Protein backbone atom coordinates (compact mmCIF):
# COMPACT_ATOMS: atom_id res chain seq x y z
CA THR A 1 -38.36 7.52 14.43
CA GLY A 2 -35.99 7.51 11.70
CA ILE A 3 -32.98 5.90 10.31
CA GLY A 4 -29.74 8.07 10.45
CA VAL A 5 -26.85 7.43 7.98
CA SER A 6 -22.86 8.45 8.65
CA CYS A 7 -20.43 8.60 6.21
CA GLY A 8 -17.19 9.34 7.63
CA GLY A 9 -13.15 8.65 6.99
CA GLY A 10 -13.37 5.80 8.37
CA LEU A 11 -17.00 3.75 8.16
CA CYS A 12 -20.25 4.39 7.35
CA ASN A 13 -22.70 4.20 10.60
CA VAL A 14 -26.30 3.05 10.36
CA ALA A 15 -28.76 3.35 13.02
CA LEU A 16 -32.33 2.79 13.13
CA ALA A 17 -34.39 4.29 16.43
CA TYR A 18 -37.17 4.15 17.11
CA MET A 19 -38.88 7.07 19.69
CA SER A 20 -35.45 8.53 19.77
CA VAL A 21 -33.96 4.89 21.25
CA PRO A 22 -31.54 3.14 18.85
CA VAL A 23 -33.46 -0.39 18.16
CA LEU A 24 -30.32 -1.61 15.67
CA SER A 25 -27.44 0.04 14.61
CA PHE A 26 -24.38 -1.38 12.51
CA SER A 27 -21.29 -0.20 10.54
CA VAL A 28 -19.80 -0.77 6.81
CA ALA A 29 -15.93 -0.40 6.76
CA LYS A 30 -16.36 2.01 4.00
CA GLY A 31 -15.47 5.73 4.42
CA GLY A 32 -13.68 7.95 2.49
CA ASP A 33 -10.08 6.86 3.41
CA PHE A 34 -11.83 3.37 1.08
CA ILE A 35 -12.10 5.70 -1.77
CA ASP A 36 -9.14 8.12 -1.36
CA THR A 37 -7.00 4.81 -1.28
CA SER A 38 -8.48 2.64 -3.63
CA ALA A 39 -8.58 5.18 -6.01
CA ALA A 40 -5.65 6.60 -5.72
CA ASN A 41 -4.01 2.33 -6.30
CA VAL A 42 -5.91 2.14 -9.25
CA THR A 43 -4.88 5.39 -10.60
CA GLY A 44 -1.15 5.45 -9.95
CA GLU A 45 -1.93 8.98 -7.83
CA LEU A 46 -1.17 9.88 -4.57
CA VAL A 47 -4.14 9.25 -1.69
CA ASN A 48 -3.56 12.67 -1.33
CA ARG A 49 -4.73 13.99 -3.80
CA VAL A 50 -7.40 11.89 -5.09
CA ARG A 51 -8.31 13.35 -1.20
CA LEU A 52 -8.13 16.63 -2.66
CA ALA A 53 -9.87 16.47 -5.59
CA LYS A 54 -13.14 14.71 -4.27
CA GLU A 55 -12.97 17.17 -1.66
CA GLU A 56 -12.42 19.96 -4.27
CA SER A 57 -14.60 19.32 -7.36
CA PHE A 58 -16.11 15.77 -7.38
CA HIS A 59 -19.78 15.33 -7.83
CA PHE A 60 -22.08 12.80 -9.22
CA ASN A 61 -23.20 13.28 -13.13
CA GLY A 62 -22.20 9.78 -15.08
CA HIS A 63 -19.95 11.50 -17.53
CA PHE A 64 -16.00 12.06 -16.19
CA THR A 65 -13.27 12.46 -18.49
CA ASP A 66 -10.33 12.30 -16.12
CA LYS A 67 -9.66 9.24 -14.51
CA VAL A 68 -9.63 9.94 -10.68
CA GLN A 69 -12.81 11.24 -11.48
CA GLN A 70 -13.84 8.06 -13.00
CA ALA A 71 -12.31 6.03 -10.06
CA LEU A 72 -13.96 8.14 -7.15
CA SER A 73 -17.29 7.29 -8.70
CA VAL A 74 -16.73 3.86 -9.28
CA TYR A 75 -15.56 3.61 -5.27
CA TYR A 76 -18.72 5.84 -4.18
CA ASP A 77 -20.83 3.62 -5.55
CA ASP A 78 -19.41 0.72 -4.11
CA MET A 79 -19.73 2.35 -0.46
CA ILE A 80 -23.36 3.05 -1.19
CA GLN A 81 -23.75 -0.59 -2.54
CA SER A 82 -22.71 -1.80 0.51
CA ILE A 83 -24.26 0.11 2.72
CA VAL A 84 -27.69 -0.30 1.15
CA GLN A 85 -27.14 -4.21 1.40
CA GLY A 86 -26.26 -3.75 4.63
CA MET A 87 -29.51 -2.95 5.61
CA LYS A 88 -31.34 -4.99 3.66
CA GLU A 89 -29.49 -7.85 5.48
CA ALA A 90 -29.57 -6.10 9.20
CA PHE A 91 -32.91 -5.05 8.55
CA ALA A 92 -33.77 -8.21 7.67
CA SER A 93 -32.22 -10.32 10.00
CA SER A 94 -33.09 -8.44 13.17
CA ARG A 95 -35.68 -9.21 15.33
CA ASN A 96 -35.60 -5.71 17.13
CA VAL A 97 -37.00 -3.84 13.63
CA PRO A 98 -40.71 -2.67 15.04
CA LYS A 99 -43.57 -2.55 12.54
CA PHE A 100 -43.41 0.90 12.35
CA GLY A 101 -47.28 2.10 10.92
CA ARG A 102 -45.82 4.63 8.12
CA PRO A 103 -42.41 4.82 6.41
CA VAL A 104 -39.75 6.50 8.01
CA PRO A 105 -37.36 9.04 7.07
CA LEU A 106 -33.51 8.40 6.59
CA VAL A 107 -31.38 11.40 7.16
CA LEU A 108 -27.53 11.24 5.66
CA SER A 109 -24.64 12.89 7.38
CA GLY A 110 -20.90 13.02 7.51
CA GLY A 111 -18.57 14.25 4.93
CA GLY A 112 -18.59 11.58 2.31
CA VAL A 113 -22.28 12.61 1.67
CA LEU A 114 -21.55 16.32 1.01
CA PRO A 115 -21.07 15.98 -3.02
CA GLU A 116 -23.16 16.91 -5.43
CA GLY A 117 -25.73 14.13 -6.08
CA PHE A 118 -25.06 11.81 -3.64
CA ARG A 119 -28.20 12.16 -1.93
CA GLU A 120 -30.09 11.39 -5.20
CA ARG A 121 -27.55 8.65 -6.16
CA PHE A 122 -28.09 6.81 -2.47
CA GLU A 123 -31.73 7.22 -3.54
CA LYS A 124 -31.90 5.41 -6.56
CA ALA A 125 -29.67 2.87 -4.81
CA LEU A 126 -32.29 2.67 -2.07
CA ASN A 127 -35.03 1.96 -4.77
CA ALA A 128 -33.50 -0.94 -6.28
CA MET A 129 -33.57 -2.63 -3.11
CA ALA A 130 -36.70 -4.15 -1.75
CA LEU A 131 -36.26 -3.14 2.37
CA PRO A 132 -37.77 -4.60 5.02
CA VAL A 133 -38.27 -0.70 6.36
CA GLN A 134 -40.73 1.60 4.33
CA ILE A 135 -38.52 5.18 3.84
CA ALA A 136 -40.55 8.08 3.55
CA GLU A 137 -37.72 10.27 2.38
CA VAL A 138 -33.68 10.40 1.81
CA ARG A 139 -32.42 13.53 3.04
CA LEU A 140 -29.17 15.72 3.82
CA ALA A 141 -28.86 16.89 7.51
CA ARG A 142 -28.71 20.81 7.83
CA ASN A 143 -25.57 20.83 8.44
CA PRO A 144 -23.62 16.91 7.89
CA LEU A 145 -20.26 17.40 9.25
CA GLU A 146 -21.48 18.49 12.75
CA THR A 147 -24.29 15.93 13.04
CA THR A 148 -22.76 13.12 13.81
CA ALA A 149 -20.71 15.32 16.43
CA ARG A 150 -24.12 16.82 17.75
CA GLY A 151 -25.88 13.77 18.27
CA ALA A 152 -23.37 12.36 20.37
CA LEU A 153 -23.07 15.13 22.28
CA VAL A 154 -27.26 14.74 23.04
CA ALA A 155 -26.54 11.19 23.64
CA ALA A 156 -23.65 12.17 26.27
CA LEU A 157 -25.69 14.24 27.72
CA SER A 158 -28.60 12.27 28.24
CA GLU A 159 -27.19 9.52 30.16
């Protein structure tokens, strides 16, 4: 039972599961490619250079002197806000969300969650939004890059 958020290249996918059964899921069309392309457009840099800067050195600290790092921060925040807002709207409007007796964990996975400080930034945005589902903790998957593929394998094997 819990919430899984996978931030990939094209989409960020959110799933709420109860006793291992998916209850609600949705996607936000803002992933790593959105961040790379948007940051490249506003800085005039090549998309590949922005992607490399993101993957090699980007982290959340709030004090950037480099324009690419500043743009990456802005578009990461946009992605995070879109996910959290989507969660609020989806959970509030769905009739499938069960009443939980206790707060549920939220696990972050995918390459988009790898920058240092992502979990803290996501948790801060989550805490600023009143969700109808209480969150017990926000944590990173043990291996964020492989978690979604492993989950898909388990689901395929159970079919």
